[in-house]
């Protein structure tokens, strides 16, 4: 075999490898966590202010996993007159598994969310609400068993 055939074989292997890589790349899903990413980026200062409002409270917001429920505890100083409250669970690996709930804590500030709403795995949790026209926001990661 002379050197001309060797060069031809190398070129064909390279082109074939590139074709395989392109076909693999075309089959992958590329999902963004937020559909309105750029709009939300413009509203980022409001989110920072809401986080600072939450951090200024004496109590902390907690999210605990119990046997069959997730228990969310809102600090008592911001528990009165809650409006526009949402709890969003974002599944980074599969957007179709995202879950959204209204924030409706009881008078002690607790809200229970059944774990049957979720599959096992990692979630990013975004909790936001307004209390007496003052915004509050928290974002954290949680692994649900």
N, C-alpha and C. Protein backbone atom coordinates (compact mmCIF):
# COMPACT_ATOMS: atom_id res chain seq x y z
N UNK A 1 0.86 -1.17 0.00
CA UNK A 1 0.00 0.00 0.00
C UNK A 1 0.92 1.24 0.00
N UNK A 2 0.68 2.12 -0.93
CA UNK A 2 1.52 3.31 -1.00
C UNK A 2 0.95 4.43 -0.12
N UNK A 3 1.68 5.53 0.00
CA UNK A 3 1.32 6.61 0.91
C UNK A 3 0.05 7.34 0.47
N UNK A 4 -0.31 7.32 -0.81
CA UNK A 4 -1.53 7.97 -1.28
C UNK A 4 -2.78 7.31 -0.71
N UNK A 5 -2.78 5.98 -0.63
CA UNK A 5 -3.93 5.26 -0.04
C UNK A 5 -4.03 5.52 1.47
N UNK A 6 -2.87 5.62 2.13
CA UNK A 6 -2.86 5.88 3.57
C UNK A 6 -3.47 7.26 3.88
N UNK A 7 -3.12 8.25 3.07
CA UNK A 7 -3.68 9.59 3.25
C UNK A 7 -5.18 9.56 3.00
N UNK A 8 -5.62 8.84 1.97
CA UNK A 8 -7.05 8.72 1.66
C UNK A 8 -7.80 8.06 2.83
N UNK A 9 -7.22 7.02 3.42
CA UNK A 9 -7.86 6.33 4.54
C UNK A 9 -7.98 7.28 5.75
N UNK A 10 -6.94 8.06 6.04
CA UNK A 10 -6.97 9.00 7.16
C UNK A 10 -8.05 10.06 6.93
N UNK A 11 -8.13 10.58 5.71
CA UNK A 11 -9.14 11.60 5.40
C UNK A 11 -10.55 11.01 5.54
N UNK A 12 -10.77 9.80 5.05
CA UNK A 12 -12.09 9.17 5.15
C UNK A 12 -12.48 8.89 6.60
N UNK A 13 -11.49 8.44 7.42
CA UNK A 13 -11.78 8.22 8.84
C UNK A 13 -12.12 9.53 9.54
N UNK A 14 -11.41 10.61 9.19
CA UNK A 14 -11.69 11.91 9.78
C UNK A 14 -13.09 12.39 9.41
N UNK A 15 -13.45 12.30 8.15
CA UNK A 15 -14.78 12.74 7.70
C UNK A 15 -15.87 11.87 8.34
N UNK A 16 -15.64 10.58 8.42
CA UNK A 16 -16.62 9.68 9.05
C UNK A 16 -16.78 10.00 10.54
N UNK A 17 -15.66 10.26 11.23
CA UNK A 17 -15.72 10.62 12.64
C UNK A 17 -16.47 11.92 12.86
N UNK A 18 -16.25 12.89 12.00
CA UNK A 18 -16.96 14.17 12.11
C UNK A 18 -18.46 13.97 11.88
N UNK A 19 -18.80 13.09 10.93
CA UNK A 19 -20.22 12.80 10.68
C UNK A 19 -20.89 12.17 11.89
N UNK A 20 -20.18 11.26 12.56
CA UNK A 20 -20.71 10.62 13.77
C UNK A 20 -20.89 11.67 14.88
N UNK A 21 -19.91 12.53 15.07
CA UNK A 21 -20.01 13.57 16.10
C UNK A 21 -21.18 14.53 15.83
N UNK A 22 -21.39 14.90 14.59
CA UNK A 22 -22.50 15.79 14.25
C UNK A 22 -23.83 15.11 14.52
N UNK A 23 -23.95 13.83 14.17
CA UNK A 23 -25.22 13.13 14.39
C UNK A 23 -25.51 12.98 15.89
N UNK A 24 -24.47 12.74 16.70
CA UNK A 24 -24.66 12.65 18.16
C UNK A 24 -25.09 14.01 18.72
N UNK A 25 -24.45 15.08 18.26
CA UNK A 25 -24.78 16.42 18.75
C UNK A 25 -26.20 16.82 18.37
N UNK A 26 -26.68 16.39 17.22
CA UNK A 26 -28.03 16.74 16.78
C UNK A 26 -29.11 16.07 17.63
N UNK A 27 -28.79 14.94 18.24
CA UNK A 27 -29.77 14.20 19.03
C UNK A 27 -29.88 14.68 20.47
N UNK A 28 -28.94 15.48 20.96
CA UNK A 28 -28.96 15.95 22.34
C UNK A 28 -29.98 17.07 22.53
N UNK A 29 -30.59 17.07 23.74
CA UNK A 29 -31.50 18.16 24.11
C UNK A 29 -30.70 19.21 24.85
N UNK A 30 -30.92 20.46 24.52
CA UNK A 30 -30.28 21.57 25.21
C UNK A 30 -31.36 22.47 25.79
N UNK A 31 -31.73 22.19 27.04
CA UNK A 31 -32.80 22.95 27.69
C UNK A 31 -32.22 24.00 28.61
N UNK A 32 -32.86 25.15 28.62
CA UNK A 32 -32.49 26.18 29.59
C UNK A 32 -33.39 25.99 30.82
N UNK A 33 -32.86 26.32 31.99
CA UNK A 33 -33.68 26.21 33.20
C UNK A 33 -34.85 27.16 33.12
N UNK A 34 -34.61 28.37 32.65
CA UNK A 34 -35.67 29.37 32.52
C UNK A 34 -35.87 29.70 31.05
N UNK A 35 -37.12 29.67 30.61
CA UNK A 35 -37.43 30.06 29.25
C UNK A 35 -37.23 31.56 29.04
N UNK A 36 -37.53 32.33 30.05
CA UNK A 36 -37.43 33.79 29.97
C UNK A 36 -36.13 34.27 30.64
N UNK A 37 -35.04 33.63 30.31
CA UNK A 37 -33.77 33.90 30.97
C UNK A 37 -33.36 35.37 30.87
N UNK A 38 -33.42 35.94 29.69
CA UNK A 38 -32.95 37.31 29.49
C UNK A 38 -33.86 38.33 30.17
N UNK A 39 -35.15 38.08 30.17
CA UNK A 39 -36.08 38.97 30.88
C UNK A 39 -35.80 38.93 32.37
N UNK A 40 -35.58 37.73 32.91
CA UNK A 40 -35.31 37.60 34.34
C UNK A 40 -33.97 38.22 34.71
N UNK A 41 -33.01 38.19 33.81
CA UNK A 41 -31.72 38.80 34.08
C UNK A 41 -31.86 40.31 34.26
N UNK A 42 -32.75 40.93 33.53
CA UNK A 42 -32.98 42.36 33.67
C UNK A 42 -33.65 42.70 35.00
N UNK A 43 -34.37 41.76 35.58
CA UNK A 43 -35.06 41.97 36.85
C UNK A 43 -34.21 41.51 38.04
N UNK A 44 -32.95 41.27 37.82
CA UNK A 44 -32.08 40.67 38.83
C UNK A 44 -31.92 41.53 40.08
N UNK A 45 -31.87 42.85 39.94
CA UNK A 45 -31.71 43.71 41.12
C UNK A 45 -32.89 43.58 42.07
N UNK A 46 -34.09 43.43 41.54
CA UNK A 46 -35.25 43.20 42.39
C UNK A 46 -35.14 41.91 43.17
N UNK A 47 -34.56 40.88 42.54
CA UNK A 47 -34.35 39.60 43.21
C UNK A 47 -33.31 39.74 44.31
N UNK A 48 -32.26 40.49 44.06
CA UNK A 48 -31.23 40.72 45.09
C UNK A 48 -31.84 41.44 46.29
N UNK A 49 -32.68 42.44 46.03
CA UNK A 49 -33.35 43.17 47.12
C UNK A 49 -34.25 42.23 47.93
N UNK A 50 -34.97 41.34 47.23
CA UNK A 50 -35.85 40.39 47.92
C UNK A 50 -35.04 39.41 48.77
N UNK A 51 -33.88 38.97 48.28
CA UNK A 51 -33.01 38.10 49.08
C UNK A 51 -32.50 38.84 50.31
N UNK A 52 -32.14 40.09 50.14
CA UNK A 52 -31.67 40.88 51.28
C UNK A 52 -32.78 41.07 52.32
N UNK A 53 -34.03 41.24 51.87
CA UNK A 53 -35.16 41.34 52.79
C UNK A 53 -35.29 40.07 53.63
N UNK A 54 -35.12 38.92 52.98
CA UNK A 54 -35.22 37.64 53.69
C UNK A 54 -34.06 37.48 54.66
N UNK A 55 -32.86 37.84 54.24
CA UNK A 55 -31.69 37.70 55.11
C UNK A 55 -31.74 38.64 56.31
N UNK A 56 -32.48 39.74 56.20
CA UNK A 56 -32.58 40.70 57.31
C UNK A 56 -33.50 40.21 58.43
N UNK A 57 -34.29 39.16 58.16
CA UNK A 57 -35.20 38.64 59.18
C UNK A 57 -34.42 37.88 60.25
N UNK A 58 -35.00 37.80 61.46
CA UNK A 58 -34.35 37.08 62.56
C UNK A 58 -34.36 35.57 62.34
N UNK A 59 -35.45 35.05 61.81
CA UNK A 59 -35.56 33.61 61.55
C UNK A 59 -35.10 33.32 60.12
N UNK A 60 -34.80 32.06 59.87
CA UNK A 60 -34.42 31.65 58.52
C UNK A 60 -35.53 30.80 57.91
N UNK A 61 -35.60 30.82 56.63
CA UNK A 61 -36.53 29.97 55.89
C UNK A 61 -35.94 28.57 55.85
N UNK A 62 -36.75 27.56 56.13
CA UNK A 62 -36.25 26.18 56.11
C UNK A 62 -37.10 25.33 55.18
N UNK A 63 -36.45 24.33 54.59
CA UNK A 63 -37.11 23.34 53.75
C UNK A 63 -36.55 21.99 54.15
N UNK A 64 -37.38 21.20 54.82
CA UNK A 64 -36.95 19.90 55.34
C UNK A 64 -37.66 18.77 54.63
N UNK A 65 -36.94 17.68 54.45
CA UNK A 65 -37.53 16.48 53.87
C UNK A 65 -37.87 15.53 55.00
N UNK A 66 -39.15 15.16 55.08
CA UNK A 66 -39.58 14.17 56.04
C UNK A 66 -39.97 12.91 55.27
N UNK A 67 -40.54 11.93 55.92
CA UNK A 67 -40.77 10.63 55.29
C UNK A 67 -41.54 10.71 53.97
N UNK A 68 -42.67 11.40 53.95
CA UNK A 68 -43.46 11.44 52.72
C UNK A 68 -43.83 12.85 52.28
N UNK A 69 -43.29 13.86 52.97
CA UNK A 69 -43.58 15.26 52.62
C UNK A 69 -42.33 16.12 52.72
N UNK A 70 -42.37 17.25 52.04
CA UNK A 70 -41.40 18.32 52.22
C UNK A 70 -42.08 19.38 53.06
N UNK A 71 -41.41 19.86 54.09
CA UNK A 71 -42.00 20.86 54.99
C UNK A 71 -41.24 22.16 54.81
N UNK A 72 -41.97 23.17 54.39
CA UNK A 72 -41.43 24.51 54.20
C UNK A 72 -41.88 25.38 55.37
N UNK A 73 -40.93 26.06 56.00
CA UNK A 73 -41.27 26.95 57.11
C UNK A 73 -40.87 28.37 56.76
N UNK A 74 -41.86 29.25 56.68
CA UNK A 74 -41.67 30.67 56.38
C UNK A 74 -41.42 31.40 57.70
N UNK A 75 -40.43 32.30 57.77
CA UNK A 75 -40.21 33.06 59.00
C UNK A 75 -41.47 33.81 59.44
N UNK A 76 -41.73 33.81 60.73
CA UNK A 76 -42.98 34.38 61.24
C UNK A 76 -43.10 35.88 60.96
N UNK A 77 -41.98 36.60 60.87
CA UNK A 77 -42.04 38.04 60.61
C UNK A 77 -42.59 38.36 59.23
N UNK A 78 -42.51 37.41 58.30
CA UNK A 78 -43.01 37.66 56.94
C UNK A 78 -44.18 36.75 56.60
N UNK A 79 -44.74 36.09 57.58
CA UNK A 79 -45.81 35.13 57.32
C UNK A 79 -47.18 35.79 57.16
N UNK A 80 -47.37 36.99 57.65
CA UNK A 80 -48.68 37.63 57.56
C UNK A 80 -48.90 38.28 56.20
N UNK A 81 -50.14 38.27 55.74
CA UNK A 81 -50.53 38.93 54.49
C UNK A 81 -49.69 38.51 53.28
N UNK A 82 -49.46 37.23 53.12
CA UNK A 82 -48.67 36.75 51.99
C UNK A 82 -49.49 36.86 50.72
N UNK A 83 -48.86 37.42 49.69
CA UNK A 83 -49.48 37.49 48.38
C UNK A 83 -48.44 37.13 47.32
N UNK A 84 -48.91 36.71 46.19
CA UNK A 84 -48.03 36.35 45.06
C UNK A 84 -46.95 35.36 45.45
N UNK A 85 -47.28 34.39 46.26
CA UNK A 85 -46.29 33.42 46.71
C UNK A 85 -46.24 32.19 45.82
N UNK A 86 -45.04 31.79 45.43
CA UNK A 86 -44.86 30.58 44.63
C UNK A 86 -43.66 29.81 45.14
N UNK A 87 -43.74 28.49 44.97
CA UNK A 87 -42.63 27.59 45.23
C UNK A 87 -42.43 26.82 43.94
N UNK A 88 -41.26 26.97 43.34
CA UNK A 88 -40.97 26.34 42.05
C UNK A 88 -39.83 25.35 42.23
N UNK A 89 -40.06 24.11 41.83
CA UNK A 89 -39.04 23.08 41.85
C UNK A 89 -38.59 22.85 40.41
N UNK A 90 -37.34 23.18 40.12
CA UNK A 90 -36.80 23.02 38.77
C UNK A 90 -35.89 21.80 38.73
N UNK A 91 -36.16 20.92 37.80
CA UNK A 91 -35.35 19.71 37.62
C UNK A 91 -34.34 19.99 36.50
N UNK A 92 -33.05 20.19 36.81
CA UNK A 92 -32.09 20.57 35.79
C UNK A 92 -31.94 19.55 34.66
N UNK A 93 -32.13 18.28 34.95
CA UNK A 93 -31.92 17.26 33.93
C UNK A 93 -33.12 17.04 33.02
N UNK A 94 -34.31 17.49 33.43
CA UNK A 94 -35.51 17.26 32.61
C UNK A 94 -36.56 18.31 32.93
N UNK A 95 -36.74 19.23 32.01
CA UNK A 95 -37.65 20.34 32.21
C UNK A 95 -39.10 19.89 32.41
N UNK A 96 -39.47 18.74 31.87
CA UNK A 96 -40.84 18.27 32.01
C UNK A 96 -41.17 17.84 33.44
N UNK A 97 -40.16 17.69 34.29
CA UNK A 97 -40.36 17.28 35.69
C UNK A 97 -40.43 18.48 36.64
N UNK A 98 -40.38 19.70 36.10
CA UNK A 98 -40.51 20.91 36.93
C UNK A 98 -41.89 20.94 37.58
N UNK A 99 -41.96 21.44 38.81
CA UNK A 99 -43.23 21.55 39.53
C UNK A 99 -43.37 22.95 40.11
N UNK A 100 -44.60 23.46 40.11
CA UNK A 100 -44.89 24.80 40.62
C UNK A 100 -46.07 24.70 41.58
N UNK A 101 -45.94 25.34 42.75
CA UNK A 101 -46.99 25.33 43.77
C UNK A 101 -47.22 26.75 44.26
N UNK A 102 -48.45 27.02 44.67
CA UNK A 102 -48.74 28.29 45.32
C UNK A 102 -48.23 28.22 46.75
N UNK A 103 -47.69 29.32 47.24
CA UNK A 103 -47.23 29.38 48.62
C UNK A 103 -48.43 29.73 49.49
N UNK A 104 -48.86 28.73 50.27
CA UNK A 104 -50.03 28.88 51.14
C UNK A 104 -49.73 28.29 52.52
N UNK A 105 -48.86 28.94 53.28
CA UNK A 105 -48.54 28.38 54.60
C UNK A 105 -49.69 28.56 55.59
N UNK A 106 -49.72 27.69 56.60
CA UNK A 106 -50.73 27.84 57.64
C UNK A 106 -50.34 29.01 58.55
N UNK A 107 -51.10 29.27 59.59
CA UNK A 107 -50.85 30.46 60.42
C UNK A 107 -49.53 30.37 61.19
N UNK A 108 -48.99 29.16 61.35
CA UNK A 108 -47.68 29.01 61.99
C UNK A 108 -46.53 29.16 60.99
N UNK A 109 -46.86 29.26 59.71
CA UNK A 109 -45.83 29.45 58.69
C UNK A 109 -45.35 28.18 58.02
N UNK A 110 -46.05 27.06 58.23
CA UNK A 110 -45.65 25.78 57.65
C UNK A 110 -46.49 25.45 56.42
N UNK A 111 -45.85 24.87 55.43
CA UNK A 111 -46.57 24.33 54.27
C UNK A 111 -45.96 22.98 53.95
N UNK A 112 -46.83 21.99 53.75
CA UNK A 112 -46.38 20.64 53.41
C UNK A 112 -46.65 20.38 51.94
N UNK A 113 -45.67 19.77 51.28
CA UNK A 113 -45.78 19.41 49.87
C UNK A 113 -45.47 17.92 49.77
N UNK A 114 -46.39 17.16 49.21
CA UNK A 114 -46.23 15.71 49.13
C UNK A 114 -45.07 15.35 48.21
N UNK A 115 -44.23 14.41 48.67
CA UNK A 115 -43.10 13.96 47.85
C UNK A 115 -43.54 13.13 46.66
N UNK A 116 -44.82 12.71 46.65
CA UNK A 116 -45.33 11.94 45.51
C UNK A 116 -45.41 12.79 44.25
N UNK A 117 -45.29 14.12 44.38
CA UNK A 117 -45.29 15.01 43.22
C UNK A 117 -43.97 14.98 42.46
N UNK A 118 -42.95 14.34 43.02
CA UNK A 118 -41.60 14.41 42.47
C UNK A 118 -41.05 13.01 42.20
N UNK A 119 -40.04 12.97 41.35
CA UNK A 119 -39.25 11.77 41.23
C UNK A 119 -37.95 12.00 42.00
N UNK A 120 -37.28 10.96 42.36
CA UNK A 120 -36.05 11.05 43.13
C UNK A 120 -34.99 11.80 42.32
N UNK A 121 -34.31 12.74 42.98
CA UNK A 121 -33.23 13.43 42.31
C UNK A 121 -33.04 14.86 42.77
N UNK A 122 -32.17 15.55 42.06
CA UNK A 122 -31.78 16.93 42.38
C UNK A 122 -32.78 17.93 41.81
N UNK A 123 -33.13 18.92 42.62
CA UNK A 123 -34.01 20.01 42.21
C UNK A 123 -33.43 21.33 42.67
N UNK A 124 -33.68 22.37 41.92
CA UNK A 124 -33.39 23.73 42.35
C UNK A 124 -34.73 24.32 42.78
N UNK A 125 -34.80 24.83 44.00
CA UNK A 125 -36.05 25.34 44.57
C UNK A 125 -35.98 26.86 44.62
N UNK A 126 -37.00 27.50 44.05
CA UNK A 126 -37.12 28.96 44.09
C UNK A 126 -38.40 29.31 44.83
N UNK A 127 -38.24 30.03 45.93
CA UNK A 127 -39.38 30.40 46.77
C UNK A 127 -39.46 31.93 46.76
N UNK A 128 -40.61 32.45 46.37
CA UNK A 128 -40.77 33.90 46.36
C UNK A 128 -42.17 34.26 46.83
N UNK A 129 -42.27 35.39 47.52
CA UNK A 129 -43.56 35.88 47.99
C UNK A 129 -43.44 37.35 48.37
N UNK A 130 -44.59 37.94 48.55
CA UNK A 130 -44.66 39.31 49.06
C UNK A 130 -45.47 39.28 50.34
N UNK A 131 -45.01 40.02 51.31
CA UNK A 131 -45.72 40.15 52.57
C UNK A 131 -45.75 41.63 52.91
N UNK A 132 -46.95 42.16 53.04
CA UNK A 132 -47.13 43.60 53.27
C UNK A 132 -46.39 44.42 52.21
N UNK A 133 -46.53 44.00 50.97
CA UNK A 133 -45.96 44.66 49.79
C UNK A 133 -44.43 44.66 49.78
N UNK A 134 -43.80 43.81 50.57
CA UNK A 134 -42.35 43.70 50.62
C UNK A 134 -41.95 42.34 50.03
N UNK A 135 -41.09 42.30 49.01
CA UNK A 135 -40.76 41.03 48.37
C UNK A 135 -39.72 40.23 49.16
N UNK A 136 -39.85 38.90 49.08
CA UNK A 136 -38.90 37.97 49.69
C UNK A 136 -38.58 36.89 48.66
N UNK A 137 -37.33 36.41 48.68
CA UNK A 137 -36.92 35.41 47.70
C UNK A 137 -35.82 34.53 48.28
N UNK A 138 -35.89 33.26 47.96
CA UNK A 138 -34.83 32.32 48.34
C UNK A 138 -34.68 31.29 47.22
N UNK A 139 -33.44 30.88 47.02
CA UNK A 139 -33.14 29.85 46.02
C UNK A 139 -32.13 28.90 46.62
N UNK A 140 -32.41 27.61 46.48
CA UNK A 140 -31.52 26.59 47.03
C UNK A 140 -31.66 25.30 46.25
N UNK A 141 -30.71 24.41 46.44
CA UNK A 141 -30.77 23.09 45.82
C UNK A 141 -31.17 22.07 46.87
N UNK A 142 -31.90 21.06 46.43
CA UNK A 142 -32.33 20.01 47.33
C UNK A 142 -32.31 18.68 46.58
N UNK A 143 -31.96 17.62 47.28
CA UNK A 143 -32.01 16.28 46.71
C UNK A 143 -33.18 15.56 47.36
N UNK A 144 -34.15 15.14 46.56
CA UNK A 144 -35.33 14.46 47.08
C UNK A 144 -35.15 12.96 46.92
N UNK A 145 -35.30 12.25 48.05
CA UNK A 145 -35.17 10.78 48.02
C UNK A 145 -36.49 10.12 47.77
